[in-house]
Amino acid sequence: MSSITTLIFDYDGVFTIDEYRGARLLFPDEVVLEKMEAPYYTAASSTQLWSDLCTYFHLRKSNEECIMTYNYEDEEQKVYKQKMFAYTRALAKRFSLILLSNQMRDRSCYLRAHEDFSFLKQVYFSDEIGLQKPDPAIFHFVLAEQKLSPGECLFVDDRKQNTDAAQALGMQIHTFVGVEDLKQVLG
């Protein structure tokens, strides 16, 4: 790990235990939810998604109710997230930290309004840059904008398809399964 200067983290599934914990309260089929959500990762608006999901799941909810429930965090989620934020804040003393996450607009706006990302060098959400993982273009974009070589980066994501894409570009990778596992990797 001595050549690593920068850690690039995913958000959901790394900083959260379960990315669809709130969403499943309204939309219980995660496979359908993820399939319907994916096209909105690079869209300027996710308004139509809520209507489509409510139609599919036969619900009568406002966009605001859908957004609020989608972003809901129970106590377990909050405690886990606090620990993960504390750990990564400590890592900021040793590495530059970047967040790179596939998000739809209503989620990225919520996260920017409610999370303290001040310890991160940069936050990239797919909806804001129009690119999404695992497309290599998103990694090239971040590397170019930050003036980084792939070999000096460790990319941490809970999805193997995303870590595989980063590794193919020469990044070192860690497929996240938990903070203790990551601590062993980083020392």
C-alpha atoms as a PDB file:
ATOM      1  CA  MET A   1       0.000   0.000   0.000  1.00  0.00           C
ATOM      2  CA  SER A   2       3.016   2.326   0.101  1.00  0.00           C
ATOM      3  CA  SER A   3       2.373   3.557  -3.444  1.00  0.00           C
ATOM      4  CA  ILE A   4      -1.222   4.525  -2.623  1.00  0.00           C
ATOM      5  CA  THR A   5      -1.808   8.266  -2.178  1.00  0.00           C
ATOM      6  CA  THR A   6      -5.539   8.419  -2.871  1.00  0.00           C
ATOM      7  CA  LEU A   7      -8.523   6.378  -1.729  1.00  0.00           C
ATOM      8  CA  ILE A   8     -11.621   6.543  -3.912  1.00  0.00           C
ATOM      9  CA  PHE A   9     -14.755   5.363  -2.130  1.00  0.00           C
ATOM     10  CA  ASP A  10     -18.223   4.431  -3.242  1.00  0.00           C
ATOM     11  CA  TYR A  11     -20.993   5.679  -0.921  1.00  0.00           C
ATOM     12  CA  ASP A  12     -23.947   3.265  -0.770  1.00  0.00           C
ATOM     13  CA  GLY A  13     -22.876  -0.139   0.461  1.00  0.00           C
ATOM     14  CA  VAL A  14     -19.670   1.326   1.923  1.00  0.00           C
ATOM     15  CA  PHE A  15     -20.805   4.275   4.060  1.00  0.00           C
ATOM     16  CA  THR A  16     -24.210   2.623   4.442  1.00  0.00           C
ATOM     17  CA  ILE A  17     -24.975  -0.944   5.474  1.00  0.00           C
ATOM     18  CA  ASP A  18     -27.818  -1.351   3.034  1.00  0.00           C
ATOM     19  CA  GLU A  19     -28.396   1.082   0.207  1.00  0.00           C
ATOM     20  CA  TYR A  20     -32.071   0.191  -0.242  1.00  0.00           C
ATOM     21  CA  ARG A  21     -33.119  -0.071   3.413  1.00  0.00           C
ATOM     22  CA  GLY A  22     -35.403   2.966   3.217  1.00  0.00           C
ATOM     23  CA  ALA A  23     -36.516   2.377  -0.368  1.00  0.00           C
ATOM     24  CA  ARG A  24     -37.748  -1.148   0.376  1.00  0.00           C
ATOM     25  CA  LEU A  25     -40.302   0.312   2.793  1.00  0.00           C
ATOM     26  CA  LEU A  26     -42.232   1.423  -0.303  1.00  0.00           C
ATOM     27  CA  PHE A  27     -40.679  -0.591  -3.121  1.00  0.00           C
ATOM     28  CA  PRO A  28     -40.086  -4.120  -1.795  1.00  0.00           C
ATOM     29  CA  ASP A  29     -38.563  -5.679  -4.924  1.00  0.00           C
ATOM     30  CA  GLU A  30     -34.922  -4.532  -4.936  1.00  0.00           C
ATOM     31  CA  VAL A  31     -34.228  -6.047  -8.376  1.00  0.00           C
ATOM     32  CA  VAL A  32     -37.035  -4.043  -9.958  1.00  0.00           C
ATOM     33  CA  LEU A  33     -36.064  -0.936  -8.003  1.00  0.00           C
ATOM     34  CA  GLU A  34     -32.439  -1.105  -9.110  1.00  0.00           C
ATOM     35  CA  LYS A  35     -33.379  -1.770 -12.737  1.00  0.00           C
ATOM     36  CA  MET A  36     -35.797   1.175 -12.834  1.00  0.00           C
ATOM     37  CA  GLU A  37     -33.383   3.455 -10.980  1.00  0.00           C
ATOM     38  CA  ALA A  38     -30.235   2.807 -13.070  1.00  0.00           C
ATOM     39  CA  PRO A  39     -31.142   5.055 -16.049  1.00  0.00           C
ATOM     40  CA  TYR A  40     -31.475   7.988 -13.624  1.00  0.00           C
ATOM     41  CA  TYR A  41     -27.854   7.750 -12.436  1.00  0.00           C
ATOM     42  CA  THR A  42     -26.833  10.098 -15.228  1.00  0.00           C
ATOM     43  CA  ALA A  43     -30.050  12.110 -15.524  1.00  0.00           C
ATOM     44  CA  ALA A  44     -30.524  15.710 -14.442  1.00  0.00           C
ATOM     45  CA  SER A  45     -33.835  14.818 -12.773  1.00  0.00           C
ATOM     46  CA  SER A  46     -35.286  11.731 -11.090  1.00  0.00           C
ATOM     47  CA  THR A  47     -38.870  13.027 -10.918  1.00  0.00           C
ATOM     48  CA  GLN A  48     -40.213  10.515 -13.444  1.00  0.00           C
ATOM     49  CA  LEU A  49     -38.694   7.631 -11.495  1.00  0.00           C
ATOM     50  CA  TRP A  50     -41.002   8.156  -8.522  1.00  0.00           C
ATOM     51  CA  SER A  51     -44.064   8.159 -10.757  1.00  0.00           C
ATOM     52  CA  ASP A  52     -42.877   5.019 -12.546  1.00  0.00           C
ATOM     53  CA  LEU A  53     -42.146   3.221  -9.277  1.00  0.00           C
ATOM     54  CA  CYS A  54     -45.505   4.173  -7.772  1.00  0.00           C
ATOM     55  CA  THR A  55     -47.272   2.944 -10.894  1.00  0.00           C
ATOM     56  CA  TYR A  56     -45.357  -0.337 -10.894  1.00  0.00           C
ATOM     57  CA  PHE A  57     -45.919  -0.967  -7.161  1.00  0.00           C
ATOM     58  CA  HIS A  58     -49.532   0.351  -7.226  1.00  0.00           C
ATOM     59  CA  LEU A  59     -48.882   3.152  -4.742  1.00  0.00           C
ATOM     60  CA  ARG A  60     -50.346   6.614  -4.332  1.00  0.00           C
ATOM     61  CA  LYS A  61     -47.438   8.607  -2.929  1.00  0.00           C
ATOM     62  CA  SER A  62     -46.134  12.048  -3.693  1.00  0.00           C
ATOM     63  CA  ASN A  63     -42.607  12.558  -4.985  1.00  0.00           C
ATOM     64  CA  GLU A  64     -41.727  14.101  -1.628  1.00  0.00           C
ATOM     65  CA  GLU A  65     -42.972  11.020   0.264  1.00  0.00           C
ATOM     66  CA  CYS A  66     -40.985   8.748  -2.062  1.00  0.00           C
ATOM     67  CA  ILE A  67     -37.804  10.792  -1.669  1.00  0.00           C
ATOM     68  CA  MET A  68     -38.154  10.975   2.106  1.00  0.00           C
ATOM     69  CA  THR A  69     -38.696   7.206   2.396  1.00  0.00           C
ATOM     70  CA  TYR A  70     -35.910   6.408  -0.083  1.00  0.00           C
ATOM     71  CA  ASN A  71     -33.431   8.389   2.036  1.00  0.00           C
ATOM     72  CA  TYR A  72     -34.715   7.051   5.386  1.00  0.00           C
ATOM     73  CA  GLU A  73     -32.084   5.707   7.795  1.00  0.00           C
ATOM     74  CA  ASP A  74     -32.915   3.644  10.853  1.00  0.00           C
ATOM     75  CA  GLU A  75     -30.760   3.688  14.011  1.00  0.00           C
ATOM     76  CA  GLU A  76     -28.568   0.788  12.926  1.00  0.00           C
ATOM     77  CA  GLN A  77     -27.819   2.550   9.638  1.00  0.00           C
ATOM     78  CA  LYS A  78     -27.021   5.820  11.434  1.00  0.00           C
ATOM     79  CA  VAL A  79     -24.664   4.164  13.932  1.00  0.00           C
ATOM     80  CA  TYR A  80     -22.832   2.276  11.176  1.00  0.00           C
ATOM     81  CA  LYS A  81     -22.497   5.420   9.079  1.00  0.00           C
ATOM     82  CA  GLN A  82     -21.093   7.401  12.030  1.00  0.00           C
ATOM     83  CA  LYS A  83     -18.414   4.743  12.540  1.00  0.00           C
ATOM     84  CA  MET A  84     -17.539   4.681   8.849  1.00  0.00           C
ATOM     85  CA  PHE A  85     -17.310   8.470   8.680  1.00  0.00           C
ATOM     86  CA  ALA A  86     -15.074   8.520  11.775  1.00  0.00           C
ATOM     87  CA  TYR A  87     -12.805   5.880  10.274  1.00  0.00           C
ATOM     88  CA  THR A  88     -12.505   7.655   6.920  1.00  0.00           C
ATOM     89  CA  ARG A  89     -11.888  11.009   8.620  1.00  0.00           C
ATOM     90  CA  ALA A  90      -8.900   9.364  10.303  1.00  0.00           C
ATOM     91  CA  LEU A  91      -7.759   8.032   6.922  1.00  0.00           C
ATOM     92  CA  ALA A  92      -7.756  11.611   5.593  1.00  0.00           C
ATOM     93  CA  LYS A  93      -4.601  12.166   7.672  1.00  0.00           C
ATOM     94  CA  ARG A  94      -2.784   9.568   5.536  1.00  0.00           C
ATOM     95  CA  PHE A  95      -4.486   9.730   2.132  1.00  0.00           C
ATOM     96  CA  SER A  96      -6.400  12.038  -0.155  1.00  0.00           C
ATOM     97  CA  LEU A  97     -10.013  10.856  -0.120  1.00  0.00           C
ATOM     98  CA  ILE A  98     -12.487  11.029  -2.992  1.00  0.00           C
ATOM     99  CA  LEU A  99     -16.097   9.899  -3.130  1.00  0.00           C
ATOM    100  CA  LEU A 100     -17.313   8.429  -6.435  1.00  0.00           C
ATOM    101  CA  SER A 101     -20.871   7.189  -6.361  1.00  0.00           C
ATOM    102  CA  ASN A 102     -23.685   6.322  -8.742  1.00  0.00           C
ATOM    103  CA  GLN A 103     -26.590   8.440  -7.534  1.00  0.00           C
ATOM    104  CA  MET A 104     -29.792   9.819  -8.917  1.00  0.00           C
ATOM    105  CA  ARG A 105     -30.497  13.518  -8.500  1.00  0.00           C
ATOM    106  CA  ASP A 106     -32.837  13.358  -5.505  1.00  0.00           C
ATOM    107  CA  ARG A 107     -30.367  11.189  -3.591  1.00  0.00           C
ATOM    108  CA  SER A 108     -27.284  13.279  -4.417  1.00  0.00           C
ATOM    109  CA  CYS A 109     -29.105  16.477  -3.390  1.00  0.00           C
ATOM    110  CA  TYR A 110     -30.127  14.828  -0.123  1.00  0.00           C
ATOM    111  CA  LEU A 111     -26.578  13.638   0.586  1.00  0.00           C
ATOM    112  CA  ARG A 112     -25.040  17.044  -0.177  1.00  0.00           C
ATOM    113  CA  ALA A 113     -27.549  18.696   2.173  1.00  0.00           C
ATOM    114  CA  HIS A 114     -27.256  16.199   5.040  1.00  0.00           C
ATOM    115  CA  GLU A 115     -23.726  14.791   5.065  1.00  0.00           C
ATOM    116  CA  ASP A 116     -20.456  16.439   6.062  1.00  0.00           C
ATOM    117  CA  PHE A 117     -18.105  15.657   3.202  1.00  0.00           C
ATOM    118  CA  SER A 118     -15.655  18.411   4.168  1.00  0.00           C
ATOM    119  CA  PHE A 119     -12.859  15.934   4.916  1.00  0.00           C
ATOM    120  CA  LEU A 120     -12.995  14.611   1.338  1.00  0.00           C
ATOM    121  CA  LYS A 121     -10.887  16.160  -1.380  1.00  0.00           C
ATOM    122  CA  GLN A 122     -13.736  15.814  -3.891  1.00  0.00           C
ATOM    123  CA  VAL A 123     -17.199  14.286  -4.218  1.00  0.00           C
ATOM    124  CA  TYR A 124     -18.362  12.984  -7.590  1.00  0.00           C
ATOM    125  CA  PHE A 125     -21.945  11.851  -8.088  1.00  0.00           C
ATOM    126  CA  SER A 126     -22.849  10.209 -11.390  1.00  0.00           C
ATOM    127  CA  ASP A 127     -25.945  12.354 -11.943  1.00  0.00           C
ATOM    128  CA  GLU A 128     -23.810  15.508 -11.706  1.00  0.00           C
ATOM    129  CA  ILE A 129     -21.112  14.427 -14.153  1.00  0.00           C
ATOM    130  CA  GLY A 130     -23.251  12.359 -16.550  1.00  0.00           C
ATOM    131  CA  LEU A 131     -21.144   9.204 -16.216  1.00  0.00           C
ATOM    132  CA  GLN A 132     -21.680   6.081 -14.141  1.00  0.00           C
ATOM    133  CA  LYS A 133     -19.773   3.077 -12.868  1.00  0.00           C
ATOM    134  CA  PRO A 134     -18.688   0.627 -14.174  1.00  0.00           C
ATOM    135  CA  ASP A 135     -18.124   2.620 -17.392  1.00  0.00           C
ATOM    136  CA  PRO A 136     -14.363   3.236 -17.626  1.00  0.00           C
ATOM    137  CA  ALA A 137     -15.102   6.826 -18.701  1.00  0.00           C
ATOM    138  CA  ILE A 138     -16.068   7.786 -15.147  1.00  0.00           C
ATOM    139  CA  PHE A 139     -12.738   6.562 -13.800  1.00  0.00           C
ATOM    140  CA  HIS A 140     -10.832   8.338 -16.576  1.00  0.00           C
ATOM    141  CA  PHE A 141     -12.759  11.519 -15.758  1.00  0.00           C
ATOM    142  CA  VAL A 142     -11.834  11.403 -12.058  1.00  0.00           C
ATOM    143  CA  LEU A 143      -8.208  10.520 -12.733  1.00  0.00           C
ATOM    144  CA  ALA A 144      -7.834  13.339 -15.273  1.00  0.00           C
ATOM    145  CA  GLU A 145      -9.605  15.937 -13.139  1.00  0.00           C
ATOM    146  CA  GLN A 146      -7.540  15.043 -10.063  1.00  0.00           C
ATOM    147  CA  LYS A 147      -4.307  14.584 -12.058  1.00  0.00           C
ATOM    148  CA  LEU A 148      -3.821  11.069 -10.686  1.00  0.00           C
ATOM    149  CA  SER A 149      -2.255   7.969 -12.160  1.00  0.00           C
ATOM    150  CA  PRO A 150      -4.294   4.787 -11.699  1.00  0.00           C
ATOM    151  CA  GLY A 151      -1.516   3.054  -9.753  1.00  0.00           C
ATOM    152  CA  GLU A 152      -1.585   5.585  -6.932  1.00  0.00           C
ATOM    153  CA  CYS A 153      -5.287   4.998  -6.257  1.00  0.00           C
ATOM    154  CA  LEU A 154      -7.130   2.394  -4.236  1.00  0.00           C
ATOM    155  CA  PHE A 155     -10.752   2.132  -5.331  1.00  0.00           C
ATOM    156  CA  VAL A 156     -13.151   0.820  -2.661  1.00  0.00           C
ATOM    157  CA  ASP A 157     -16.620  -0.324  -3.743  1.00  0.00           C
ATOM    158  CA  ASP A 158     -19.014  -3.044  -2.609  1.00  0.00           C
ATOM    159  CA  ARG A 159     -19.804  -4.130  -6.181  1.00  0.00           C
ATOM    160  CA  LYS A 160     -17.344  -6.395  -7.932  1.00  0.00           C
ATOM    161  CA  GLN A 161     -18.327  -5.141 -11.393  1.00  0.00           C
ATOM    162  CA  ASN A 162     -17.173  -1.670 -10.344  1.00  0.00           C
ATOM    163  CA  THR A 163     -13.916  -2.814  -8.764  1.00  0.00           C
ATOM    164  CA  ASP A 164     -13.218  -5.005 -11.807  1.00  0.00           C
ATOM    165  CA  ALA A 165     -13.630  -1.960 -14.081  1.00  0.00           C
ATOM    166  CA  ALA A 166     -11.258   0.119 -11.947  1.00  0.00           C
ATOM    167  CA  GLN A 167      -8.708  -2.695 -11.803  1.00  0.00           C
ATOM    168  CA  ALA A 168      -8.765  -3.029 -15.596  1.00  0.00           C
ATOM    169  CA  LEU A 169      -7.544   0.595 -15.742  1.00  0.00           C
ATOM    170  CA  GLY A 170      -4.645  -0.116 -13.389  1.00  0.00           C
ATOM    171  CA  MET A 171      -6.142   1.003 -10.089  1.00  0.00           C
ATOM    172  CA  GLN A 172      -5.607  -1.035  -6.991  1.00  0.00           C
ATOM    173  CA  ILE A 173      -8.946  -2.214  -5.679  1.00  0.00           C
ATOM    174  CA  HIS A 174     -10.757  -3.456  -2.618  1.00  0.00           C
ATOM    175  CA  THR A 175     -14.200  -5.022  -2.895  1.00  0.00           C
ATOM    176  CA  PHE A 176     -15.740  -3.803   0.355  1.00  0.00           C
ATOM    177  CA  VAL A 177     -17.322  -6.321   2.706  1.00  0.00           C
ATOM    178  CA  GLY A 178     -16.878  -4.394   5.929  1.00  0.00           C
ATOM    179  CA  VAL A 179     -14.785  -1.832   7.722  1.00  0.00           C
ATOM    180  CA  GLU A 180     -12.707  -4.410   9.618  1.00  0.00           C
ATOM    181  CA  ASP A 181     -11.666  -6.012   6.340  1.00  0.00           C
ATOM    182  CA  LEU A 182     -10.695  -2.608   4.950  1.00  0.00           C
ATOM    183  CA  LYS A 183      -8.675  -1.839   8.100  1.00  0.00           C
ATOM    184  CA  GLN A 184      -6.653  -4.999   7.507  1.00  0.00           C
ATOM    185  CA  VAL A 185      -5.933  -3.943   3.931  1.00  0.00           C
ATOM    186  CA  LEU A 186      -4.873  -0.403   4.851  1.00  0.00           C
ATOM    187  CA  GLY A 187      -3.011  -1.305   8.023  1.00  0.00           C
END
